[in-house]
Amino acid sequence: MKNSYSLRYPHPVLLSSKLKRKKIVEIVINDNKFTLFRNKVNKPQAVPSACPHRGANLAKGKLDKNFELICPYHAWKINHKGMASSPSAPKRVCKIHNLKTWEKYGVIWVANEDTTEKFPDFMEDNFSLVGKFSQKFEAPINVVIDNFSEIEHAFKVHRFIGSDKKDLHTVNFSVSIEEEETKGISSGKYRKQPFIFRKLFGIEKGDYYHNDWSFKFKPLNASYRNYWTNKTGNKVRSNQYIITTFFTPITSNKVDIFVFVQMSIKNKFLRKIKSILSFFTVMVTKYEIWEDAKIARFAPEKPEENTSWKLTSFDKQIFHNRKKAERIYFGIQEKNTVAEEV
């Protein structure tokens, strides 16, 4: 398999609701194609799409009455243990590479069968999961990592995140670089929002928006804690949101993003309308991630030849994250200076 090192880590690949009984779906991770289906015990099963016999695409096959996968070309059969057998030569049996699968938080995850890596723990105490969704990015993984690593684009690209352009002077930002993780803290005067929006989300006029984030690489994922305070920061508002994004590279120019939205509400009245808040929170998050995907299509992966990018203090973590992704996630080392800090 290509880039098989990264498959040691669990990857989200499909919303559970999209894998119905008797349905077969082809998934791709780092250019590796797998066929995903539900076996006889209704557990997701993923096998390489190339049939071990002569390489026919198993995703074009079907499931028999025992929910065993049948190759569309020569009818080889794949059972729930990953054993492949020939109907014309019954003694011809072989073991294929069954991926390990999980079905958690409404999403199907996969990794190499022999992985020793732990399933990523991203749920926070006192928060509830209120939604999840996926979004395709038509961009290289480095561009996607860059997009989710910096906040400078927020005032231009986003509608509900960060400060307005006129209030950028209020933004404070700091980042720490650790061995296997980067962390950032940002705050600034929150952008102008309609009265009903502020009341619904427990925000007061003149409040400051805070975004505390961490970027991890086993697998590629980032979490963002969003909350509001008064200007001095000594009074935290009722609602807090944690947006966790997992990045599953598909090809050299495509990435699937899986987003999990957690919410915490302290205000008793707002708790009574939690279902309404949950709905709007997920919708707002979908909109903002969609805006990211829209602009990322046009972002280059590296500068033009014989040029370099002129970075600022807001960009400190970008190339640290790229390098950590290469070393930790992809298992490679690469030296490539593509920017200079000014």
Protein backbone atom coordinates (compact mmCIF):
# COMPACT_ATOMS: atom_id res chain seq x y z
CA MET A 1 0.00 0.00 0.00
CA LYS A 2 1.04 3.61 -0.62
CA ASN A 3 1.79 5.78 2.42
CA SER A 4 0.75 2.88 4.65
CA TYR A 5 2.59 4.34 7.67
CA SER A 6 -0.22 6.81 8.32
CA LEU A 7 -2.78 3.98 8.49
CA ARG A 8 -1.38 3.00 11.86
CA TYR A 9 -3.66 5.77 13.17
CA PRO A 10 -7.48 5.62 13.27
CA HIS A 11 -9.06 7.69 10.48
CA PRO A 12 -12.69 8.79 10.18
CA VAL A 13 -13.89 7.77 6.73
CA LEU A 14 -17.70 7.83 6.56
CA LEU A 15 -20.73 8.94 8.55
CA SER A 16 -22.42 5.83 9.94
CA SER A 17 -25.74 6.90 8.42
CA LYS A 18 -24.25 6.60 4.93
CA LEU A 19 -23.43 2.89 5.25
CA LYS A 20 -26.79 1.18 5.10
CA ARG A 21 -27.24 -2.59 5.33
CA LYS A 22 -26.33 -4.28 2.02
CA LYS A 23 -24.63 -1.09 0.78
CA ILE A 24 -21.03 -1.15 -0.48
CA VAL A 25 -18.91 2.03 -0.41
CA GLU A 26 -15.39 2.58 -1.71
CA ILE A 27 -13.20 4.77 0.51
CA VAL A 28 -9.76 6.19 -0.23
CA ILE A 29 -7.03 7.07 2.27
CA ASN A 30 -3.72 8.46 1.01
CA ASP A 31 -4.39 6.99 -2.47
CA ASN A 32 -5.20 3.55 -1.03
CA LYS A 33 -8.61 2.21 -2.05
CA PHE A 34 -10.72 0.11 0.31
CA THR A 35 -14.15 -1.42 0.08
CA LEU A 36 -16.40 -0.78 3.07
CA PHE A 37 -19.55 -2.73 3.94
CA ARG A 38 -21.45 -4.18 6.90
CA ASN A 39 -20.80 -7.88 7.57
CA LYS A 40 -23.17 -10.48 8.99
CA VAL A 41 -23.04 -9.01 12.50
CA ASN A 42 -23.67 -5.50 11.11
CA LYS A 43 -20.13 -4.41 11.91
CA PRO A 44 -18.33 -2.21 9.37
CA GLN A 45 -15.68 -4.18 7.50
CA ALA A 46 -13.03 -2.68 5.22
CA VAL A 47 -10.80 -4.61 2.82
CA PRO A 48 -8.50 -3.53 -0.03
CA SER A 49 -10.58 -2.88 -3.13
CA ALA A 50 -8.32 -5.03 -5.33
CA CYS A 51 -9.50 -8.65 -5.26
CA PRO A 52 -6.60 -10.97 -4.27
CA HIS A 53 -7.38 -13.18 -7.28
CA ARG A 54 -6.76 -10.81 -10.20
CA GLY A 55 -7.31 -7.34 -8.85
CA ALA A 56 -10.94 -6.66 -9.84
CA ASN A 57 -12.58 -3.81 -7.93
CA LEU A 58 -14.48 -5.36 -5.03
CA ALA A 59 -16.44 -2.14 -4.56
CA LYS A 60 -18.32 -3.09 -7.74
CA GLY A 61 -19.35 -6.42 -6.22
CA LYS A 62 -22.32 -7.31 -4.06
CA LEU A 63 -23.17 -8.87 -0.71
CA ASP A 64 -24.76 -12.31 -0.60
CA LYS A 65 -27.44 -13.46 1.85
CA ASN A 66 -24.75 -14.03 4.50
CA PHE A 67 -23.37 -10.50 3.97
CA GLU A 68 -20.16 -11.85 2.47
CA LEU A 69 -18.57 -9.75 -0.25
CA ILE A 70 -18.66 -11.28 -3.73
CA CYS A 71 -16.16 -10.16 -6.38
CA PRO A 72 -17.95 -8.92 -9.56
CA TYR A 73 -15.47 -10.66 -11.91
CA HIS A 74 -14.86 -14.27 -10.78
CA ALA A 75 -17.14 -14.41 -7.71
CA TRP A 76 -14.41 -14.86 -5.15
CA LYS A 77 -15.96 -14.52 -1.69
CA ILE A 78 -14.67 -12.45 1.27
CA ASN A 79 -16.05 -13.46 4.68
CA HIS A 80 -16.19 -11.51 7.95
CA LYS A 81 -12.78 -12.83 9.00
CA GLY A 82 -11.12 -11.52 5.85
CA MET A 83 -10.71 -14.96 4.27
CA ALA A 84 -11.01 -15.00 0.47
CA SER A 85 -12.02 -18.17 -1.35
CA SER A 86 -12.54 -19.25 -4.96
CA PRO A 87 -15.86 -20.84 -6.04
CA SER A 88 -14.14 -22.75 -8.84
CA ALA A 89 -11.20 -23.94 -6.72
CA PRO A 90 -12.59 -24.31 -3.16
CA LYS A 91 -9.19 -25.22 -1.73
CA ARG A 92 -7.76 -21.93 -2.95
CA VAL A 93 -8.14 -19.78 0.19
CA CYS A 94 -6.12 -16.79 1.35
CA LYS A 95 -6.17 -14.18 4.09
CA ILE A 96 -6.53 -10.58 3.00
CA HIS A 97 -5.76 -7.36 4.87
CA ASN A 98 -8.85 -6.56 6.92
CA LEU A 99 -8.68 -3.05 8.34
CA LYS A 100 -9.58 -2.54 11.98
CA THR A 101 -12.84 -0.60 12.28
CA TRP A 102 -14.64 1.41 14.93
CA GLU A 103 -18.09 2.93 14.88
CA LYS A 104 -18.07 5.82 17.35
CA TYR A 105 -19.71 9.24 17.58
CA GLY A 106 -21.81 8.47 14.51
CA VAL A 107 -18.76 7.92 12.30
CA ILE A 108 -16.90 4.88 10.93
CA TRP A 109 -13.14 4.87 11.57
CA VAL A 110 -10.45 2.58 10.16
CA ALA A 111 -6.79 1.75 10.77
CA ASN A 112 -4.36 -1.05 10.00
CA GLU A 113 -5.48 -4.35 11.49
CA ASP A 114 -2.38 -4.62 13.67
CA THR A 115 -2.37 -1.03 14.93
CA THR A 116 -1.25 -0.44 18.50
CA GLU A 117 -2.30 3.22 18.47
CA LYS A 118 -5.08 4.30 20.80
CA PHE A 119 -8.37 5.63 19.52
CA PRO A 120 -8.21 9.45 19.72
CA ASP A 121 -9.88 10.80 22.84
CA PHE A 122 -11.34 14.23 22.09
CA MET A 123 -14.57 14.41 24.13
CA GLU A 124 -14.43 16.89 27.00
CA ASP A 125 -16.05 16.59 30.43
CA ASN A 126 -19.15 18.75 30.93
CA PHE A 127 -19.61 19.08 27.16
CA SER A 128 -22.12 17.22 25.02
CA LEU A 129 -21.72 16.20 21.39
CA VAL A 130 -24.42 18.08 19.49
CA GLY A 131 -23.48 17.34 15.90
CA LYS A 132 -21.03 15.95 13.39
CA PHE A 133 -20.54 16.29 9.65
CA SER A 134 -17.96 15.94 6.90
CA GLN A 135 -16.67 18.40 4.31
CA LYS A 136 -14.49 17.75 1.25
CA PHE A 137 -11.53 20.03 0.58
CA GLU A 138 -10.16 20.21 -2.98
CA ALA A 139 -6.65 21.03 -1.79
CA PRO A 140 -3.39 19.30 -0.75
CA ILE A 141 -3.13 18.23 2.88
CA ASN A 142 -0.46 20.89 3.56
CA VAL A 143 -2.82 23.65 2.43
CA VAL A 144 -5.58 22.27 4.63
CA ILE A 145 -3.22 22.05 7.61
CA ASP A 146 -2.17 25.66 6.96
CA ASN A 147 -5.79 26.81 6.86
CA PHE A 148 -6.65 25.23 10.21
CA SER A 149 -3.36 26.35 11.77
CA GLU A 150 -3.77 30.10 11.50
CA ILE A 151 -6.37 32.69 12.48
CA GLU A 152 -5.31 35.63 10.32
CA HIS A 153 -7.83 34.80 7.59
CA ALA A 154 -10.78 34.83 10.00
CA PHE A 155 -11.74 38.51 9.62
CA LYS A 156 -11.82 38.17 5.82
CA VAL A 157 -13.20 34.65 5.23
CA HIS A 158 -15.48 34.07 8.20
CA ARG A 159 -18.69 35.62 9.44
CA PHE A 160 -19.01 34.29 13.00
CA ILE A 161 -15.37 33.81 14.05
CA GLY A 162 -12.96 36.39 15.40
CA SER A 163 -12.80 40.16 15.07
CA ASP A 164 -13.80 42.65 12.41
CA LYS A 165 -11.02 44.25 10.37
CA LYS A 166 -11.34 47.52 12.29
CA ASP A 167 -10.73 45.68 15.58
CA LEU A 168 -7.67 43.65 14.58
CA HIS A 169 -5.56 45.85 16.85
CA THR A 170 -7.35 44.22 19.83
CA VAL A 171 -6.26 40.70 18.87
CA ASN A 172 -3.79 38.93 21.15
CA PHE A 173 -2.17 35.75 19.91
CA SER A 174 0.41 33.35 21.29
CA VAL A 175 1.55 29.88 20.27
CA SER A 176 3.64 27.16 21.92
CA ILE A 177 5.44 24.42 20.02
CA GLU A 178 5.72 21.05 21.77
CA GLU A 179 7.24 17.75 20.66
CA GLU A 180 4.04 16.21 19.32
CA GLU A 181 1.56 19.07 19.49
CA THR A 182 1.16 22.79 18.86
CA LYS A 183 -1.07 25.01 20.98
CA GLY A 184 -2.41 28.49 20.48
CA ILE A 185 -4.39 31.10 22.38
CA SER A 186 -6.12 34.04 20.72
CA SER A 187 -8.56 36.71 21.83
CA GLY A 188 -9.97 39.93 20.47
CA LYS A 189 -13.05 42.13 20.38
CA TYR A 190 -15.86 40.08 18.85
CA ARG A 191 -17.26 41.18 15.54
CA LYS A 192 -20.64 42.90 15.31
CA GLN A 193 -23.58 40.49 15.33
CA PRO A 194 -27.37 40.93 15.27
CA PHE A 195 -29.11 41.33 18.64
CA ILE A 196 -31.00 38.02 18.35
CA PHE A 197 -27.75 36.14 17.59
CA ARG A 198 -26.03 37.59 20.66
CA LYS A 199 -28.94 36.76 22.94
CA LEU A 200 -29.27 33.24 21.56
CA PHE A 201 -25.58 32.51 22.19
CA GLY A 202 -25.32 34.39 25.49
CA ILE A 203 -23.03 37.13 24.18
CA GLU A 204 -23.05 40.80 25.21
CA LYS A 205 -22.20 43.78 23.03
CA GLY A 206 -18.49 44.60 23.28
CA ASP A 207 -17.53 41.09 24.41
CA TYR A 208 -14.21 39.49 23.51
CA TYR A 209 -14.01 36.27 21.56
CA HIS A 210 -11.50 33.59 22.63
CA ASN A 211 -10.21 30.64 20.63
CA ASP A 212 -7.87 28.24 22.42
CA TRP A 213 -6.69 25.50 20.10
CA SER A 214 -4.40 22.50 19.83
CA PHE A 215 -3.15 20.65 16.75
CA LYS A 216 -2.20 16.97 17.05
CA PHE A 217 -0.78 14.43 14.62
CA LYS A 218 -1.76 10.92 15.80
CA PRO A 219 -3.88 11.16 13.62
CA LEU A 220 -4.12 14.64 12.12
CA ASN A 221 -6.66 16.61 14.14
CA ALA A 222 -7.26 19.97 15.74
CA SER A 223 -9.57 21.15 18.52
CA TYR A 224 -10.80 24.71 19.05
CA ARG A 225 -12.42 25.88 22.27
CA ASN A 226 -14.59 28.92 21.50
CA TYR A 227 -15.93 31.17 24.26
CA TRP A 228 -16.67 34.80 25.08
CA THR A 229 -15.84 37.07 28.01
CA ASN A 230 -16.31 40.69 28.91
CA LYS A 231 -13.52 43.06 27.83
CA THR A 232 -11.40 42.50 30.94
CA GLY A 233 -11.77 38.72 30.69
CA ASN A 234 -12.93 38.24 34.28
CA LYS A 235 -16.45 37.13 33.35
CA VAL A 236 -16.91 34.11 31.08
CA ARG A 237 -20.22 33.95 29.23
CA SER A 238 -22.62 31.00 29.42
CA ASN A 239 -21.93 29.10 26.20
CA GLN A 240 -18.72 27.38 25.14
CA TYR A 241 -18.11 25.31 22.04
CA ILE A 242 -15.39 22.85 21.11
CA ILE A 243 -14.96 22.19 17.40
CA THR A 244 -12.77 19.16 16.69
CA THR A 245 -11.68 18.50 13.12
CA PHE A 246 -10.05 15.32 11.81
CA PHE A 247 -8.20 15.38 8.49
CA THR A 248 -8.27 12.29 6.27
CA PRO A 249 -6.10 12.72 3.15
CA ILE A 250 -7.76 11.13 0.13
CA THR A 251 -5.41 11.90 -2.76
CA SER A 252 -2.62 14.40 -3.33
CA ASN A 253 -5.23 17.11 -3.86
CA LYS A 254 -8.25 16.02 -1.81
CA VAL A 255 -8.90 15.84 1.93
CA ASP A 256 -12.00 14.81 3.86
CA ILE A 257 -12.65 16.82 7.02
CA PHE A 258 -14.74 15.26 9.78
CA VAL A 259 -16.06 17.79 12.25
CA PHE A 260 -17.42 17.13 15.76
CA VAL A 261 -19.26 19.90 17.61
CA GLN A 262 -19.42 19.91 21.42
CA MET A 263 -21.35 22.41 23.52
CA SER A 264 -21.56 23.49 27.16
CA ILE A 265 -24.29 25.80 28.51
CA LYS A 266 -24.34 27.32 32.00
CA ASN A 267 -27.34 29.63 31.70
CA LYS A 268 -30.52 27.88 32.90
CA PHE A 269 -32.78 29.57 30.37
CA LEU A 270 -30.49 28.80 27.44
CA ARG A 271 -30.35 25.18 28.57
CA LYS A 272 -34.11 24.99 27.98
CA ILE A 273 -33.56 25.74 24.29
CA LYS A 274 -30.55 23.45 23.93
CA SER A 275 -32.01 21.69 20.88
CA ILE A 276 -32.43 25.02 19.08
CA LEU A 277 -28.94 26.12 20.08
CA SER A 278 -27.51 22.79 18.95
CA PHE A 279 -29.12 23.13 15.53
CA PHE A 280 -27.87 26.68 14.94
CA THR A 281 -24.40 25.90 16.32
CA VAL A 282 -23.94 23.02 13.87
CA MET A 283 -25.31 25.15 11.00
CA VAL A 284 -22.92 27.99 11.80
CA THR A 285 -20.00 25.56 12.02
CA LYS A 286 -20.94 23.95 8.70
CA TYR A 287 -21.08 27.38 7.07
CA GLU A 288 -17.66 28.40 8.38
CA ILE A 289 -15.99 25.11 7.38
CA TRP A 290 -17.62 25.41 3.95
CA GLU A 291 -16.11 28.89 3.61
CA ASP A 292 -12.70 27.43 4.48
CA ALA A 293 -13.11 24.74 1.81
CA LYS A 294 -14.14 27.35 -0.75
CA ILE A 295 -11.06 29.55 -0.28
CA ALA A 296 -8.57 26.68 0.24
CA ARG A 297 -9.01 25.63 -3.41
CA PHE A 298 -7.07 28.71 -4.46
CA ALA A 299 -4.29 28.62 -1.86
CA PRO A 300 -0.86 27.44 -3.12
CA GLU A 301 1.10 24.74 -1.34
CA LYS A 302 4.41 26.54 -1.79
CA PRO A 303 5.78 29.82 -3.17
CA GLU A 304 6.61 30.28 -6.81
CA GLU A 305 10.14 29.37 -7.84
CA ASN A 306 12.88 31.68 -6.52
CA THR A 307 10.48 33.44 -4.18
CA SER A 308 9.53 33.08 -0.52
CA TRP A 309 6.49 33.92 1.57
CA LYS A 310 6.74 36.91 3.90
CA LEU A 311 5.26 35.56 7.12
CA THR A 312 4.20 37.34 10.28
CA SER A 313 3.96 36.35 13.92
CA PHE A 314 0.49 34.92 13.19
CA ASP A 315 2.12 32.28 10.97
CA LYS A 316 4.69 30.90 13.40
CA GLN A 317 3.00 27.52 13.81
CA ILE A 318 2.29 26.81 10.12
CA PHE A 319 5.56 25.19 9.14
CA HIS A 320 5.99 23.57 12.52
CA ASN A 321 2.69 21.81 11.84
CA ARG A 322 3.79 20.81 8.35
CA LYS A 323 7.01 19.33 9.67
CA LYS A 324 5.26 17.50 12.49
CA ALA A 325 2.76 16.06 10.02
CA GLU A 326 5.63 14.77 7.88
CA ARG A 327 7.55 13.31 10.82
CA ILE A 328 4.74 11.98 13.03
CA TYR A 329 1.83 11.25 10.69
CA PHE A 330 3.59 10.33 7.43
CA GLY A 331 6.78 9.03 9.08
CA ILE A 332 9.15 10.97 6.80
CA GLN A 333 11.75 13.68 7.19
CA GLU A 334 12.00 16.53 4.72
CA LYS A 335 13.84 19.81 4.71
CA ASN A 336 12.12 22.43 2.61
CA THR A 337 12.43 26.12 3.32
CA VAL A 338 9.59 27.88 1.56
CA ALA A 339 9.18 31.04 3.61
CA GLU A 340 10.94 33.66 5.61
CA GLU A 341 9.61 35.39 8.69
CA VAL A 342 9.50 39.17 8.78
